[in-house]
Amino acid sequence: MKITDIQLEEKRKIQLEEKKKILKGLEIAYEKLLAFKKMTNSELVVLRNNEIVRIKP
């Protein structure tokens, strides 16, 4: 069974849509994390330039 150009294009379109949904979900999760850290007044720990950095809200 040979995959046609139309099938490949459809598959790429679906993958792009899924990628957009995943990135949107990650953005929402990050916003919720920041809101939680501000609410509890706790530090956010991130990796910046191969160093662990603690950020106060």
N, C-alpha and C. Protein backbone atom coordinates (compact mmCIF):
# COMPACT_ATOMS: atom_id res chain seq x y z
N MET A 1 0.84 -1.18 0.00
CA MET A 1 0.00 0.00 0.00
C MET A 1 0.88 1.24 0.00
N LYS A 2 0.72 2.08 -0.97
CA LYS A 2 1.52 3.28 -1.10
C LYS A 2 0.75 4.47 -0.52
N ILE A 3 1.44 5.27 0.26
CA ILE A 3 0.82 6.46 0.84
C ILE A 3 0.89 7.59 -0.19
N THR A 4 -0.25 8.18 -0.44
CA THR A 4 -0.30 9.25 -1.43
C THR A 4 0.08 10.58 -0.80
N ASP A 5 0.33 11.55 -1.65
CA ASP A 5 0.67 12.90 -1.17
C ASP A 5 -0.47 13.49 -0.37
N ILE A 6 -1.70 13.20 -0.76
CA ILE A 6 -2.86 13.72 -0.04
C ILE A 6 -2.91 13.14 1.37
N GLN A 7 -2.62 11.85 1.50
CA GLN A 7 -2.62 11.21 2.81
C GLN A 7 -1.51 11.78 3.69
N LEU A 8 -0.35 12.02 3.09
CA LEU A 8 0.75 12.60 3.85
C LEU A 8 0.41 14.01 4.31
N GLU A 9 -0.20 14.78 3.45
CA GLU A 9 -0.59 16.15 3.80
C GLU A 9 -1.63 16.14 4.92
N GLU A 10 -2.57 15.23 4.85
CA GLU A 10 -3.59 15.11 5.90
C GLU A 10 -2.96 14.72 7.23
N LYS A 11 -2.01 13.80 7.16
CA LYS A 11 -1.31 13.36 8.38
C LYS A 11 -0.53 14.53 9.00
N ARG A 12 0.13 15.32 8.18
CA ARG A 12 0.88 16.48 8.67
C ARG A 12 -0.06 17.50 9.30
N LYS A 13 -1.23 17.69 8.69
CA LYS A 13 -2.21 18.64 9.21
C LYS A 13 -2.69 18.19 10.59
N ILE A 14 -2.96 16.90 10.73
CA ILE A 14 -3.41 16.36 12.01
C ILE A 14 -2.31 16.51 13.07
N GLN A 15 -1.07 16.23 12.68
CA GLN A 15 0.04 16.36 13.62
C GLN A 15 0.22 17.81 14.06
N LEU A 16 0.04 18.75 13.15
CA LEU A 16 0.17 20.16 13.48
C LEU A 16 -0.93 20.59 14.45
N GLU A 17 -2.15 20.12 14.22
CA GLU A 17 -3.25 20.43 15.12
C GLU A 17 -3.00 19.86 16.51
N GLU A 18 -2.51 18.62 16.57
CA GLU A 18 -2.20 18.00 17.86
C GLU A 18 -1.09 18.76 18.58
N LYS A 19 -0.09 19.19 17.83
CA LYS A 19 1.01 19.95 18.42
C LYS A 19 0.51 21.26 19.02
N LYS A 20 -0.39 21.93 18.31
CA LYS A 20 -0.96 23.18 18.81
C LYS A 20 -1.74 22.95 20.09
N LYS A 21 -2.51 21.86 20.15
CA LYS A 21 -3.28 21.54 21.34
C LYS A 21 -2.36 21.25 22.53
N ILE A 22 -1.29 20.52 22.29
CA ILE A 22 -0.34 20.18 23.36
C ILE A 22 0.33 21.44 23.88
N LEU A 23 0.77 22.31 22.99
CA LEU A 23 1.42 23.55 23.41
C LEU A 23 0.46 24.45 24.18
N LYS A 24 -0.79 24.52 23.75
CA LYS A 24 -1.80 25.31 24.46
C LYS A 24 -2.00 24.75 25.86
N GLY A 25 -2.06 23.43 25.98
CA GLY A 25 -2.20 22.78 27.27
C GLY A 25 -1.03 23.07 28.19
N LEU A 26 0.18 23.08 27.64
CA LEU A 26 1.36 23.40 28.43
C LEU A 26 1.34 24.85 28.91
N GLU A 27 0.88 25.75 28.06
CA GLU A 27 0.76 27.16 28.45
C GLU A 27 -0.22 27.32 29.61
N ILE A 28 -1.36 26.63 29.51
CA ILE A 28 -2.36 26.70 30.58
C ILE A 28 -1.81 26.13 31.88
N ALA A 29 -1.11 25.00 31.80
CA ALA A 29 -0.53 24.38 32.99
C ALA A 29 0.50 25.31 33.63
N TYR A 30 1.30 26.00 32.82
CA TYR A 30 2.32 26.91 33.35
C TYR A 30 1.65 28.11 34.03
N GLU A 31 0.59 28.63 33.42
CA GLU A 31 -0.13 29.75 34.03
C GLU A 31 -0.72 29.34 35.38
N LYS A 32 -1.28 28.13 35.44
CA LYS A 32 -1.83 27.64 36.70
C LYS A 32 -0.74 27.45 37.75
N LEU A 33 0.42 26.97 37.32
CA LEU A 33 1.55 26.79 38.23
C LEU A 33 1.97 28.13 38.81
N LEU A 34 2.10 29.15 37.96
CA LEU A 34 2.50 30.48 38.43
C LEU A 34 1.46 31.05 39.40
N ALA A 35 0.18 30.87 39.08
CA ALA A 35 -0.88 31.36 39.96
C ALA A 35 -0.81 30.67 41.32
N PHE A 36 -0.56 29.36 41.32
CA PHE A 36 -0.44 28.61 42.56
C PHE A 36 0.75 29.08 43.38
N LYS A 37 1.88 29.29 42.72
CA LYS A 37 3.08 29.74 43.41
C LYS A 37 2.88 31.12 44.03
N LYS A 38 2.17 32.00 43.33
CA LYS A 38 1.88 33.33 43.87
C LYS A 38 0.92 33.23 45.05
N MET A 39 -0.10 32.37 44.92
CA MET A 39 -1.10 32.22 45.97
C MET A 39 -0.48 31.68 47.25
N THR A 40 0.44 30.73 47.13
CA THR A 40 1.06 30.11 48.30
C THR A 40 2.36 30.82 48.71
N ASN A 41 2.73 31.84 47.94
CA ASN A 41 3.95 32.60 48.20
C ASN A 41 5.17 31.68 48.31
N SER A 42 5.27 30.74 47.38
CA SER A 42 6.40 29.83 47.37
C SER A 42 7.28 30.09 46.14
N GLU A 43 8.50 29.62 46.22
CA GLU A 43 9.46 29.87 45.15
C GLU A 43 9.19 28.99 43.94
N LEU A 44 9.53 29.52 42.77
CA LEU A 44 9.50 28.76 41.53
C LEU A 44 10.94 28.38 41.22
N VAL A 45 11.20 27.10 41.05
CA VAL A 45 12.55 26.62 40.78
C VAL A 45 12.66 26.30 39.30
N VAL A 46 13.64 26.94 38.63
CA VAL A 46 13.83 26.74 37.20
C VAL A 46 15.30 26.49 36.91
N LEU A 47 15.56 25.95 35.74
CA LEU A 47 16.93 25.74 35.28
C LEU A 47 17.24 26.82 34.26
N ARG A 48 18.22 27.66 34.56
CA ARG A 48 18.60 28.75 33.68
C ARG A 48 20.11 28.71 33.48
N ASN A 49 20.54 28.58 32.24
CA ASN A 49 21.97 28.52 31.91
C ASN A 49 22.68 27.43 32.70
N ASN A 50 22.05 26.24 32.77
CA ASN A 50 22.60 25.09 33.48
C ASN A 50 22.79 25.33 34.97
N GLU A 51 22.04 26.29 35.53
CA GLU A 51 22.07 26.54 36.95
C GLU A 51 20.65 26.50 37.49
N ILE A 52 20.50 25.96 38.69
CA ILE A 52 19.18 25.94 39.33
C ILE A 52 18.98 27.31 39.97
N VAL A 53 17.86 27.94 39.61
CA VAL A 53 17.56 29.28 40.08
C VAL A 53 16.21 29.26 40.78
N ARG A 54 16.13 29.92 41.93
CA ARG A 54 14.87 30.03 42.67
C ARG A 54 14.34 31.45 42.48
N ILE A 55 13.08 31.53 42.05
CA ILE A 55 12.47 32.82 41.77
C ILE A 55 11.30 33.00 42.74
N LYS A 56 11.30 34.15 43.41
CA LYS A 56 10.18 34.47 44.31
C LYS A 56 9.06 35.10 43.50
N PRO A 57 7.82 34.77 43.84
CA PRO A 57 6.69 35.34 43.06
C PRO A 57 6.51 36.83 43.29
